């Protein structure tokens, strides 16, 4: 279970490490889109965008369906929620640690 959860989280962060894939995710927050609609604003080939979508699909971030000859893509929010939860847990841990350090330093300043 831990190994699988770690792999899933790793694949989400690896997929989001690329700026083109982050831009694709940002586009899909506005709703479902065809592959050609997704590719339109990018200065790369359609096959390159298809490869980026494949990485996002393997990470579970994007789902697609075929409607006739058109492939429509949409976000699958659950992997992003798990990544957000992990980041929130890390933030809480480090906020707590920094608060403790600040309290320790403040107490040191009041000592003679």
PDB file of N, CA and C in Angstrom:
ATOM      1  N   UNK A   1       0.829  -1.199   0.000  1.00  0.00           N
ATOM      2  CA  UNK A   1       0.000   0.000   0.000  1.00  0.00           C
ATOM      3  C   UNK A   1       0.872   1.261   0.000  1.00  0.00           C
ATOM      4  N   UNK A   2       1.858   1.331   0.899  1.00  0.00           N
ATOM      5  CA  UNK A   2       2.715   2.503   0.970  1.00  0.00           C
ATOM      6  C   UNK A   2       3.504   2.658  -0.322  1.00  0.00           C
ATOM      7  N   UNK A   3       4.022   1.533  -0.852  1.00  0.00           N
ATOM      8  CA  UNK A   3       4.780   1.592  -2.086  1.00  0.00           C
ATOM      9  C   UNK A   3       3.911   2.116  -3.231  1.00  0.00           C
ATOM     10  N   UNK A   4       2.678   1.644  -3.323  1.00  0.00           N
ATOM     11  CA  UNK A   4       1.759   2.091  -4.365  1.00  0.00           C
ATOM     12  C   UNK A   4       1.427   3.564  -4.195  1.00  0.00           C
ATOM     13  N   UNK A   5       1.140   3.996  -2.972  1.00  0.00           N
ATOM     14  CA  UNK A   5       0.818   5.400  -2.716  1.00  0.00           C
ATOM     15  C   UNK A   5       2.011   6.291  -3.041  1.00  0.00           C
ATOM     16  N   UNK A   6       3.206   5.833  -2.711  1.00  0.00           N
ATOM     17  CA  UNK A   6       4.413   6.597  -3.017  1.00  0.00           C
ATOM     18  C   UNK A   6       4.604   6.708  -4.519  1.00  0.00           C
ATOM     19  N   UNK A   7       4.402   5.591  -5.233  1.00  0.00           N
ATOM     20  CA  UNK A   7       4.544   5.618  -6.685  1.00  0.00           C
ATOM     21  C   UNK A   7       3.537   6.569  -7.309  1.00  0.00           C
ATOM     22  N   UNK A   8       2.297   6.537  -6.834  1.00  0.00           N
ATOM     23  CA  UNK A   8       1.272   7.424  -7.372  1.00  0.00           C
ATOM     24  C   UNK A   8       1.642   8.887  -7.159  1.00  0.00           C
ATOM     25  N   UNK A   9       2.088   9.210  -5.959  1.00  0.00           N
ATOM     26  CA  UNK A   9       2.477  10.584  -5.653  1.00  0.00           C
ATOM     27  C   UNK A   9       3.686  10.991  -6.488  1.00  0.00           C
ATOM     28  N   UNK A  10       4.660  10.102  -6.612  1.00  0.00           N
ATOM     29  CA  UNK A  10       5.836  10.384  -7.440  1.00  0.00           C
ATOM     30  C   UNK A  10       5.435  10.666  -8.882  1.00  0.00           C
ATOM     31  N   UNK A  11       4.523   9.859  -9.413  1.00  0.00           N
ATOM     32  CA  UNK A  11       4.130  10.040 -10.814  1.00  0.00           C
ATOM     33  C   UNK A  11       3.368  11.351 -11.011  1.00  0.00           C
ATOM     34  N   UNK A  12       2.581  11.763 -10.028  1.00  0.00           N
ATOM     35  CA  UNK A  12       1.866  13.041 -10.130  1.00  0.00           C
ATOM     36  C   UNK A  12       2.865  14.191 -10.141  1.00  0.00           C
ATOM     37  N   UNK A  13       3.806  14.189  -9.196  1.00  0.00           N
ATOM     38  CA  UNK A  13       4.782  15.279  -9.151  1.00  0.00           C
ATOM     39  C   UNK A  13       5.699  15.266 -10.372  1.00  0.00           C
ATOM     40  N   UNK A  14       6.064  14.094 -10.853  1.00  0.00           N
ATOM     41  CA  UNK A  14       6.899  14.008 -12.063  1.00  0.00           C
ATOM     42  C   UNK A  14       6.138  14.563 -13.265  1.00  0.00           C
ATOM     43  N   UNK A  15       4.859  14.231 -13.357  1.00  0.00           N
ATOM     44  CA  UNK A  15       4.051  14.736 -14.478  1.00  0.00           C
ATOM     45  C   UNK A  15       3.918  16.251 -14.412  1.00  0.00           C
ATOM     46  N   UNK A  16       3.780  16.785 -13.214  1.00  0.00           N
ATOM     47  CA  UNK A  16       3.603  18.229 -13.055  1.00  0.00           C
ATOM     48  C   UNK A  16       4.915  19.004 -13.102  1.00  0.00           C
ATOM     49  N   UNK A  17       6.027  18.306 -13.185  1.00  0.00           N
ATOM     50  CA  UNK A  17       7.332  18.969 -13.224  1.00  0.00           C
ATOM     51  C   UNK A  17       7.562  19.712 -14.538  1.00  0.00           C
ATOM     52  N   UNK A  18       6.837  19.359 -15.564  1.00  0.00           N
ATOM     53  CA  UNK A  18       7.017  19.973 -16.880  1.00  0.00           C
ATOM     54  C   UNK A  18       6.054  21.145 -17.063  1.00  0.00           C
ATOM     55  N   UNK A  19       6.547  22.305 -17.500  1.00  0.00           N
ATOM     56  CA  UNK A  19       5.665  23.468 -17.642  1.00  0.00           C
ATOM     57  C   UNK A  19       4.562  23.288 -18.687  1.00  0.00           C
ATOM     58  N   UNK A  20       4.828  22.547 -19.750  1.00  0.00           N
ATOM     59  CA  UNK A  20       3.782  22.305 -20.744  1.00  0.00           C
ATOM     60  C   UNK A  20       2.660  21.485 -20.143  1.00  0.00           C
ATOM     61  N   UNK A  21       3.016  20.467 -19.351  1.00  0.00           N
ATOM     62  CA  UNK A  21       1.972  19.637 -18.733  1.00  0.00           C
ATOM     63  C   UNK A  21       1.188  20.440 -17.696  1.00  0.00           C
ATOM     64  N   UNK A  22       1.875  21.327 -16.962  1.00  0.00           N
ATOM     65  CA  UNK A  22       1.139  22.179 -16.014  1.00  0.00           C
ATOM     66  C   UNK A  22       0.173  23.093 -16.762  1.00  0.00           C
ATOM     67  N   UNK A  23       0.586  23.592 -17.910  1.00  0.00           N
ATOM     68  CA  UNK A  23      -0.299  24.446 -18.714  1.00  0.00           C
ATOM     69  C   UNK A  23      -1.492  23.644 -19.237  1.00  0.00           C
ATOM     70  N   UNK A  24      -1.259  22.403 -19.604  1.00  0.00           N
ATOM     71  CA  UNK A  24      -2.368  21.542 -20.044  1.00  0.00           C
ATOM     72  C   UNK A  24      -3.349  21.333 -18.899  1.00  0.00           C
ATOM     73  N   UNK A  25      -2.833  21.062 -17.710  1.00  0.00           N
ATOM     74  CA  UNK A  25      -3.700  20.893 -16.537  1.00  0.00           C
ATOM     75  C   UNK A  25      -4.487  22.176 -16.288  1.00  0.00           C
ATOM     76  N   UNK A  26      -3.808  23.322 -16.380  1.00  0.00           N
ATOM     77  CA  UNK A  26      -4.495  24.608 -16.180  1.00  0.00           C
ATOM     78  C   UNK A  26      -5.611  24.782 -17.209  1.00  0.00           C
ATOM     79  N   UNK A  27      -5.360  24.404 -18.450  1.00  0.00           N
ATOM     80  CA  UNK A  27      -6.397  24.505 -19.489  1.00  0.00           C
ATOM     81  C   UNK A  27      -7.588  23.611 -19.154  1.00  0.00           C
ATOM     82  N   UNK A  28      -7.300  22.415 -18.684  1.00  0.00           N
ATOM     83  CA  UNK A  28      -8.379  21.474 -18.397  1.00  0.00           C
ATOM     84  C   UNK A  28      -9.185  21.845 -17.154  1.00  0.00           C
ATOM     85  N   UNK A  29      -8.697  22.774 -16.341  1.00  0.00           N
ATOM     86  CA  UNK A  29      -9.506  23.245 -15.210  1.00  0.00           C
ATOM     87  C   UNK A  29     -10.736  24.003 -15.715  1.00  0.00           C
ATOM     88  N   UNK A  30     -10.681  24.465 -16.953  1.00  0.00           N
ATOM     89  CA  UNK A  30     -11.832  25.171 -17.531  1.00  0.00           C
ATOM     90  C   UNK A  30     -12.838  24.219 -18.154  1.00  0.00           C
ATOM     91  N   UNK A  31     -12.500  22.936 -18.202  1.00  0.00           N
ATOM     92  CA  UNK A  31     -13.443  21.960 -18.742  1.00  0.00           C
ATOM     93  C   UNK A  31     -12.809  21.054 -19.770  1.00  0.00           C
ATOM     94  N   UNK A  32     -13.594  20.079 -20.171  1.00  0.00           N
ATOM     95  CA  UNK A  32     -13.169  19.079 -21.134  1.00  0.00           C
ATOM     96  C   UNK A  32     -12.760  19.746 -22.456  1.00  0.00           C
ATOM     97  N   UNK A  33     -11.745  19.160 -23.118  1.00  0.00           N
ATOM     98  CA  UNK A  33     -11.281  19.711 -24.392  1.00  0.00           C
ATOM     99  C   UNK A  33     -10.737  18.591 -25.267  1.00  0.00           C
ATOM    100  N   UNK A  34     -10.809  18.809 -26.561  1.00  0.00           N
ATOM    101  CA  UNK A  34     -10.227  17.840 -27.490  1.00  0.00           C
ATOM    102  C   UNK A  34      -8.706  18.003 -27.494  1.00  0.00           C
ATOM    103  N   UNK A  35      -8.036  16.982 -27.977  1.00  0.00           N
ATOM    104  CA  UNK A  35      -6.581  17.032 -28.050  1.00  0.00           C
ATOM    105  C   UNK A  35      -6.135  18.196 -28.921  1.00  0.00           C
ATOM    106  N   UNK A  36      -6.808  18.430 -30.031  1.00  0.00           N
ATOM    107  CA  UNK A  36      -6.416  19.547 -30.900  1.00  0.00           C
ATOM    108  C   UNK A  36      -6.672  20.903 -30.234  1.00  0.00           C
ATOM    109  N   UNK A  37      -7.729  21.026 -29.452  1.00  0.00           N
ATOM    110  CA  UNK A  37      -7.972  22.271 -28.704  1.00  0.00           C
ATOM    111  C   UNK A  37      -6.875  22.489 -27.661  1.00  0.00           C
ATOM    112  N   UNK A  38      -6.463  21.407 -27.015  1.00  0.00           N
ATOM    113  CA  UNK A  38      -5.400  21.510 -26.018  1.00  0.00           C
ATOM    114  C   UNK A  38      -4.091  21.907 -26.686  1.00  0.00           C
ATOM    115  N   UNK A  39      -3.821  21.339 -27.854  1.00  0.00           N
ATOM    116  CA  UNK A  39      -2.552  21.570 -28.545  1.00  0.00           C
ATOM    117  C   UNK A  39      -2.454  22.961 -29.170  1.00  0.00           C
ATOM    118  N   UNK A  40      -3.580  23.576 -29.499  1.00  0.00           N
ATOM    119  CA  UNK A  40      -3.592  24.826 -30.268  1.00  0.00           C
ATOM    120  C   UNK A  40      -2.637  25.916 -29.750  1.00  0.00           C
ATOM    121  N   UNK A  41      -2.608  26.226 -28.446  1.00  0.00           N
ATOM    122  CA  UNK A  41      -1.768  27.343 -28.022  1.00  0.00           C
ATOM    123  C   UNK A  41      -0.272  27.017 -27.895  1.00  0.00           C
ATOM    124  N   UNK A  42       0.114  25.777 -28.063  1.00  0.00           N
ATOM    125  CA  UNK A  42       1.500  25.385 -27.841  1.00  0.00           C
ATOM    126  C   UNK A  42       2.318  25.397 -29.132  1.00  0.00           C
ATOM    127  N   UNK A  43       3.563  25.859 -29.051  1.00  0.00           N
ATOM    128  CA  UNK A  43       4.418  25.899 -30.242  1.00  0.00           C
ATOM    129  C   UNK A  43       5.126  24.559 -30.484  1.00  0.00           C
ATOM    130  N   UNK A  44       4.426  23.471 -30.227  1.00  0.00           N
ATOM    131  CA  UNK A  44       4.980  22.132 -30.446  1.00  0.00           C
ATOM    132  C   UNK A  44       3.995  21.336 -31.295  1.00  0.00           C
ATOM    133  N   UNK A  45       4.465  20.219 -31.813  1.00  0.00           N
ATOM    134  CA  UNK A  45       3.630  19.399 -32.689  1.00  0.00           C
ATOM    135  C   UNK A  45       2.512  18.709 -31.908  1.00  0.00           C
ATOM    136  N   UNK A  46       1.499  18.297 -32.640  1.00  0.00           N
ATOM    137  CA  UNK A  46       0.393  17.534 -32.047  1.00  0.00           C
ATOM    138  C   UNK A  46       0.899  16.241 -31.405  1.00  0.00           C
ATOM    139  N   UNK A  47       1.840  15.504 -32.048  1.00  0.00           N
ATOM    140  CA  UNK A  47       2.371  14.312 -31.388  1.00  0.00           C
ATOM    141  C   UNK A  47       3.086  14.624 -30.061  1.00  0.00           C
ATOM    142  N   UNK A  48       3.741  15.775 -29.970  1.00  0.00           N
ATOM    143  CA  UNK A  48       4.399  16.149 -28.711  1.00  0.00           C
ATOM    144  C   UNK A  48       3.365  16.380 -27.610  1.00  0.00           C
ATOM    145  N   UNK A  49       2.270  17.056 -27.951  1.00  0.00           N
ATOM    146  CA  UNK A  49       1.199  17.286 -26.973  1.00  0.00           C
ATOM    147  C   UNK A  49       0.571  15.953 -26.582  1.00  0.00           C
ATOM    148  N   UNK A  50       0.412  15.067 -27.542  1.00  0.00           N
ATOM    149  CA  UNK A  50      -0.139  13.734 -27.257  1.00  0.00           C
ATOM    150  C   UNK A  50       0.749  12.982 -26.266  1.00  0.00           C
ATOM    151  N   UNK A  51       2.053  13.121 -26.405  1.00  0.00           N
ATOM    152  CA  UNK A  51       2.973  12.487 -25.446  1.00  0.00           C
ATOM    153  C   UNK A  51       2.821  13.095 -24.061  1.00  0.00           C
ATOM    154  N   UNK A  52       2.686  14.422 -23.993  1.00  0.00           N
ATOM    155  CA  UNK A  52       2.460  15.068 -22.694  1.00  0.00           C
ATOM    156  C   UNK A  52       1.157  14.560 -22.068  1.00  0.00           C
ATOM    157  N   UNK A  53       0.125  14.440 -22.870  1.00  0.00           N
ATOM    158  CA  UNK A  53      -1.151  13.919 -22.366  1.00  0.00           C
ATOM    159  C   UNK A  53      -1.011  12.479 -21.889  1.00  0.00           C
ATOM    160  N   UNK A  54      -0.190  11.713 -22.553  1.00  0.00           N
ATOM    161  CA  UNK A  54       0.045  10.328 -22.150  1.00  0.00           C
ATOM    162  C   UNK A  54       0.689  10.264 -20.766  1.00  0.00           C
ATOM    163  N   UNK A  55       1.651  11.149 -20.515  1.00  0.00           N
ATOM    164  CA  UNK A  55       2.284  11.206 -19.187  1.00  0.00           C
ATOM    165  C   UNK A  55       1.246  11.574 -18.134  1.00  0.00           C
ATOM    166  N   UNK A  56       0.428  12.569 -18.430  1.00  0.00           N
ATOM    167  CA  UNK A  56      -0.621  12.980 -17.487  1.00  0.00           C
ATOM    168  C   UNK A  56      -1.640  11.868 -17.266  1.00  0.00           C
ATOM    169  N   UNK A  57      -1.938  11.118 -18.315  1.00  0.00           N
ATOM    170  CA  UNK A  57      -2.879   9.992 -18.206  1.00  0.00           C
ATOM    171  C   UNK A  57      -2.293   8.892 -17.326  1.00  0.00           C
ATOM    172  N   UNK A  58      -1.020   8.547 -17.547  1.00  0.00           N
ATOM    173  CA  UNK A  58      -0.384   7.498 -16.724  1.00  0.00           C
ATOM    174  C   UNK A  58      -0.325   7.902 -15.253  1.00  0.00           C
ATOM    175  N   UNK A  59      -0.199   9.194 -14.974  1.00  0.00           N
ATOM    176  CA  UNK A  59      -0.188   9.679 -13.594  1.00  0.00           C
ATOM    177  C   UNK A  59      -1.595   9.739 -13.010  1.00  0.00           C
ATOM    178  N   UNK A  60      -2.596   9.521 -13.851  1.00  0.00           N
ATOM    179  CA  UNK A  60      -3.977   9.536 -13.381  1.00  0.00           C
ATOM    180  C   UNK A  60      -4.591  10.913 -13.335  1.00  0.00           C
ATOM    181  N   UNK A  61      -3.877  11.923 -13.812  1.00  0.00           N
ATOM    182  CA  UNK A  61      -4.341  13.306 -13.728  1.00  0.00           C
ATOM    183  C   UNK A  61      -5.364  13.618 -14.819  1.00  0.00           C
ATOM    184  N   UNK A  62      -5.219  12.978 -15.966  1.00  0.00           N
ATOM    185  CA  UNK A  62      -6.108  13.218 -17.103  1.00  0.00           C
ATOM    186  C   UNK A  62      -6.793  11.920 -17.495  1.00  0.00           C
ATOM    187  N   UNK A  63      -8.066  12.029 -17.787  1.00  0.00           N
ATOM    188  CA  UNK A  63      -8.844  10.913 -18.345  1.00  0.00           C
ATOM    189  C   UNK A  63      -9.298  11.343 -19.724  1.00  0.00           C
ATOM    190  N   UNK A  64      -9.502  10.380 -20.603  1.00  0.00           N
ATOM    191  CA  UNK A  64     -10.016  10.744 -21.917  1.00  0.00           C
ATOM    192  C   UNK A  64     -11.092   9.763 -22.352  1.00  0.00           C
ATOM    193  N   UNK A  65     -11.839  10.220 -23.338  1.00  0.00           N
ATOM    194  CA  UNK A  65     -12.882   9.386 -23.927  1.00  0.00           C
ATOM    195  C   UNK A  65     -12.955   9.751 -25.396  1.00  0.00           C
ATOM    196  N   UNK A  66     -13.419   8.819 -26.165  1.00  0.00           N
ATOM    197  CA  UNK A  66     -13.530   9.038 -27.596  1.00  0.00           C
ATOM    198  C   UNK A  66     -14.975   9.339 -27.948  1.00  0.00           C
ATOM    199  N   UNK A  67     -15.171  10.384 -28.709  1.00  0.00           N
ATOM    200  CA  UNK A  67     -16.491  10.780 -29.185  1.00  0.00           C
ATOM    201  C   UNK A  67     -16.390  10.855 -30.706  1.00  0.00           C
ATOM    202  N   UNK A  68     -16.779   9.784 -31.359  1.00  0.00           N
ATOM    203  CA  UNK A  68     -16.577   9.694 -32.805  1.00  0.00           C
ATOM    204  C   UNK A  68     -15.090   9.590 -33.093  1.00  0.00           C
ATOM    205  N   UNK A  69     -14.583  10.542 -33.861  1.00  0.00           N
ATOM    206  CA  UNK A  69     -13.151  10.550 -34.179  1.00  0.00           C
ATOM    207  C   UNK A  69     -12.366  11.500 -33.290  1.00  0.00           C
ATOM    208  N   UNK A  70     -13.040  12.112 -32.340  1.00  0.00           N
ATOM    209  CA  UNK A  70     -12.408  13.108 -31.469  1.00  0.00           C
ATOM    210  C   UNK A  70     -12.134  12.498 -30.101  1.00  0.00           C
ATOM    211  N   UNK A  71     -10.927  12.735 -29.596  1.00  0.00           N
ATOM    212  CA  UNK A  71     -10.578  12.294 -28.247  1.00  0.00           C
ATOM    213  C   UNK A  71     -10.698  13.503 -27.324  1.00  0.00           C
ATOM    214  N   UNK A  72     -11.583  13.385 -26.325  1.00  0.00           N
ATOM    215  CA  UNK A  72     -11.816  14.460 -25.362  1.00  0.00           C
ATOM    216  C   UNK A  72     -11.105  14.145 -24.056  1.00  0.00           C
ATOM    217  N   UNK A  73     -10.468  15.151 -23.488  1.00  0.00           N
ATOM    218  CA  UNK A  73      -9.718  14.978 -22.235  1.00  0.00           C
ATOM    219  C   UNK A  73     -10.345  15.820 -21.143  1.00  0.00           C
ATOM    220  N   UNK A  74     -10.245  15.299 -19.918  1.00  0.00           N
ATOM    221  CA  UNK A  74     -10.712  16.055 -18.754  1.00  0.00           C
ATOM    222  C   UNK A  74      -9.829  15.707 -17.570  1.00  0.00           C
ATOM    223  N   UNK A  75      -9.857  16.575 -16.563  1.00  0.00           N
ATOM    224  CA  UNK A  75      -9.073  16.321 -15.357  1.00  0.00           C
ATOM    225  C   UNK A  75      -9.718  15.233 -14.509  1.00  0.00           C
ATOM    226  N   UNK A  76      -8.881  14.444 -13.888  1.00  0.00           N
ATOM    227  CA  UNK A  76      -9.310  13.496 -12.862  1.00  0.00           C
ATOM    228  C   UNK A  76      -8.747  14.065 -11.561  1.00  0.00           C
ATOM    229  N   UNK A  77      -9.549  14.690 -10.745  1.00  0.00           N
ATOM    230  CA  UNK A  77      -9.039  15.479  -9.624  1.00  0.00           C
ATOM    231  C   UNK A  77      -8.424  14.691  -8.464  1.00  0.00           C
ATOM    232  N   UNK A  78      -8.735  13.422  -8.317  1.00  0.00           N
ATOM    233  CA  UNK A  78      -8.291  12.689  -7.128  1.00  0.00           C
ATOM    234  C   UNK A  78      -6.760  12.654  -6.962  1.00  0.00           C
ATOM    235  N   UNK A  79      -5.976  12.366  -7.995  1.00  0.00           N
ATOM    236  CA  UNK A  79      -4.523  12.390  -7.805  1.00  0.00           C
ATOM    237  C   UNK A  79      -4.008  13.766  -7.386  1.00  0.00           C
ATOM    238  N   UNK A  80      -4.621  14.823  -7.905  1.00  0.00           N
ATOM    239  CA  UNK A  80      -4.215  16.172  -7.509  1.00  0.00           C
ATOM    240  C   UNK A  80      -4.605  16.453  -6.057  1.00  0.00           C
ATOM    241  N   UNK A  81      -5.741  15.919  -5.625  1.00  0.00           N
ATOM    242  CA  UNK A  81      -6.146  16.082  -4.216  1.00  0.00           C
ATOM    243  C   UNK A  81      -5.156  15.386  -3.282  1.00  0.00           C
ATOM    244  N   UNK A  82      -4.707  14.186  -3.677  1.00  0.00           N
ATOM    245  CA  UNK A  82      -3.733  13.474  -2.842  1.00  0.00           C
ATOM    246  C   UNK A  82      -2.417  14.237  -2.768  1.00  0.00           C
ATOM    247  N   UNK A  83      -1.990  14.825  -3.876  1.00  0.00           N
ATOM    248  CA  UNK A  83      -0.765  15.629  -3.878  1.00  0.00           C
ATOM    249  C   UNK A  83      -0.945  16.870  -3.004  1.00  0.00           C
ATOM    250  N   UNK A  84      -2.108  17.494  -3.109  1.00  0.00           N
ATOM    251  CA  UNK A  84      -2.402  18.671  -2.289  1.00  0.00           C
ATOM    252  C   UNK A  84      -2.398  18.316  -0.800  1.00  0.00           C
ATOM    253  N   UNK A  85      -2.955  17.169  -0.460  1.00  0.00           N
ATOM    254  CA  UNK A  85      -2.961  16.714   0.932  1.00  0.00           C
ATOM    255  C   UNK A  85      -1.538  16.500   1.437  1.00  0.00           C
ATOM    256  N   UNK A  86      -0.693  15.887   0.616  1.00  0.00           N
ATOM    257  CA  UNK A  86       0.695  15.650   1.008  1.00  0.00           C
ATOM    258  C   UNK A  86       1.411  16.979   1.246  1.00  0.00           C
ATOM    259  N   UNK A  87       1.219  17.945   0.345  1.00  0.00           N
ATOM    260  CA  UNK A  87       1.844  19.260   0.503  1.00  0.00           C
ATOM    261  C   UNK A  87       1.328  19.939   1.772  1.00  0.00           C
ATOM    262  N   UNK A  88       0.036  19.837   2.042  1.00  0.00           N
ATOM    263  CA  UNK A  88      -0.534  20.446   3.250  1.00  0.00           C
ATOM    264  C   UNK A  88       0.051  19.820   4.512  1.00  0.00           C
ATOM    265  N   UNK A  89       0.247  18.504   4.485  1.00  0.00           N
ATOM    266  CA  UNK A  89       0.852  17.835   5.645  1.00  0.00           C
ATOM    267  C   UNK A  89       2.285  18.308   5.861  1.00  0.00           C
ATOM    268  N   UNK A  90       3.025  18.457   4.780  1.00  0.00           N
ATOM    269  CA  UNK A  90       4.404  18.938   4.890  1.00  0.00           C
ATOM    270  C   UNK A  90       4.431  20.376   5.393  1.00  0.00           C
ATOM    271  N   UNK A  91       3.522  21.202   4.888  1.00  0.00           N
ATOM    272  CA  UNK A  91       3.451  22.594   5.324  1.00  0.00           C
ATOM    273  C   UNK A  91       3.138  22.666   6.808  1.00  0.00           C
ATOM    274  N   UNK A  92       2.191  21.860   7.281  1.00  0.00           N
ATOM    275  CA  UNK A  92       1.827  21.868   8.696  1.00  0.00           C
ATOM    276  C   UNK A  92       3.013  21.450   9.559  1.00  0.00           C
ATOM    277  N   UNK A  93       3.730  20.414   9.124  1.00  0.00           N
ATOM    278  CA  UNK A  93       4.901  19.953   9.871  1.00  0.00           C
ATOM    279  C   UNK A  93       5.937  21.066   9.977  1.00  0.00           C
ATOM    280  N   UNK A  94       6.261  21.689   8.839  1.00  0.00           N
ATOM    281  CA  UNK A  94       7.311  22.710   8.851  1.00  0.00           C
ATOM    282  C   UNK A  94       6.852  23.991   9.529  1.00  0.00           C
ATOM    283  N   UNK A  95       5.584  24.343   9.430  1.00  0.00           N
ATOM    284  CA  UNK A  95       5.077  25.499  10.173  1.00  0.00           C
ATOM    285  C   UNK A  95       5.240  25.272  11.667  1.00  0.00           C
ATOM    286  N   UNK A  96       4.918  24.069  12.118  1.00  0.00           N
ATOM    287  CA  UNK A  96       5.068  23.724  13.531  1.00  0.00           C
ATOM    288  C   UNK A  96       6.531  23.810  13.961  1.00  0.00           C
ATOM    289  N   UNK A  97       7.415  23.264  13.139  1.00  0.00           N
ATOM    290  CA  UNK A  97       8.852  23.303  13.457  1.00  0.00           C
ATOM    291  C   UNK A  97       9.367  24.738  13.511  1.00  0.00           C
ATOM    292  N   UNK A  98       8.948  25.565  12.564  1.00  0.00           N
ATOM    293  CA  UNK A  98       9.404  26.969  12.538  1.00  0.00           C
ATOM    294  C   UNK A  98       8.832  27.749  13.715  1.00  0.00           C
ATOM    295  N   UNK A  99       7.589  27.459  14.089  1.00  0.00           N
ATOM    296  CA  UNK A  99       7.010  28.108  15.270  1.00  0.00           C
ATOM    297  C   UNK A  99       7.791  27.737  16.516  1.00  0.00           C
ATOM    298  N   UNK A 100       8.184  26.467  16.618  1.00  0.00           N
ATOM    299  CA  UNK A 100       8.990  26.025  17.759  1.00  0.00           C
ATOM    300  C   UNK A 100      10.345  26.702  17.786  1.00  0.00           C
ATOM    301  N   UNK A 101      10.958  26.844  16.640  1.00  0.00           N
ATOM    302  CA  UNK A 101      12.250  27.532  16.556  1.00  0.00           C
ATOM    303  C   UNK A 101      12.105  28.995  16.940  1.00  0.00           C
ATOM    304  N   UNK A 102      11.065  29.647  16.451  1.00  0.00           N
ATOM    305  CA  UNK A 102      10.832  31.053  16.787  1.00  0.00           C
ATOM    306  C   UNK A 102      10.619  31.218  18.290  1.00  0.00           C
ATOM    307  N   UNK A 103       9.861  30.318  18.906  1.00  0.00           N
ATOM    308  CA  UNK A 103       9.639  30.382  20.350  1.00  0.00           C
ATOM    309  C   UNK A 103      10.949  30.166  21.104  1.00  0.00           C
ATOM    310  N   UNK A 104      11.743  29.241  20.652  1.00  0.00           N
ATOM    311  CA  UNK A 104      13.037  28.959  21.290  1.00  0.00           C
ATOM    312  C   UNK A 104      13.950  30.183  21.194  1.00  0.00           C
ATOM    313  N   UNK A 105      14.020  30.804  20.034  1.00  0.00           N
ATOM    314  CA  UNK A 105      14.867  31.981  19.860  1.00  0.00           C
ATOM    315  C   UNK A 105      14.355  33.163  20.669  1.00  0.00           C
ATOM    316  N   UNK A 106      13.043  33.321  20.745  1.00  0.00           N
ATOM    317  CA  UNK A 106      12.470  34.398  21.543  1.00  0.00           C
ATOM    318  C   UNK A 106      12.796  34.202  23.021  1.00  0.00           C
ATOM    319  N   UNK A 107      12.728  32.945  23.486  1.00  0.00           N
ATOM    320  CA  UNK A 107      13.057  32.663  24.886  1.00  0.00           C
ATOM    321  C   UNK A 107      14.529  32.922  25.152  1.00  0.00           C
ATOM    322  N   UNK A 108      15.394  32.622  24.220  1.00  0.00           N
ATOM    323  CA  UNK A 108      16.832  32.883  24.377  1.00  0.00           C
ATOM    324  C   UNK A 108      17.128  34.366  24.489  1.00  0.00           C
ATOM    325  N   UNK A 109      16.376  35.189  23.730  1.00  0.00           N
ATOM    326  CA  UNK A 109      16.601  36.648  23.757  1.00  0.00           C
ATOM    327  C   UNK A 109      16.220  37.254  25.102  1.00  0.00           C
ATOM    328  N   UNK A 110      15.286  36.642  25.804  1.00  0.00           N
ATOM    329  CA  UNK A 110      14.850  37.190  27.085  1.00  0.00           C
ATOM    330  C   UNK A 110      15.766  36.779  28.231  1.00  0.00           C
ATOM    331  N   UNK A 111      16.643  35.812  28.014  1.00  0.00           N
ATOM    332  CA  UNK A 111      17.573  35.396  29.057  1.00  0.00           C
ATOM    333  C   UNK A 111      18.694  36.418  29.200  1.00  0.00           C
ATOM    334  N   UNK A 112      19.193  36.608  30.449  1.00  0.00           N
ATOM    335  CA  UNK A 112      20.269  37.582  30.666  1.00  0.00           C
ATOM    336  C   UNK A 112      21.564  37.178  30.041  1.00  0.00           C
TER     337      UNK A 112
END
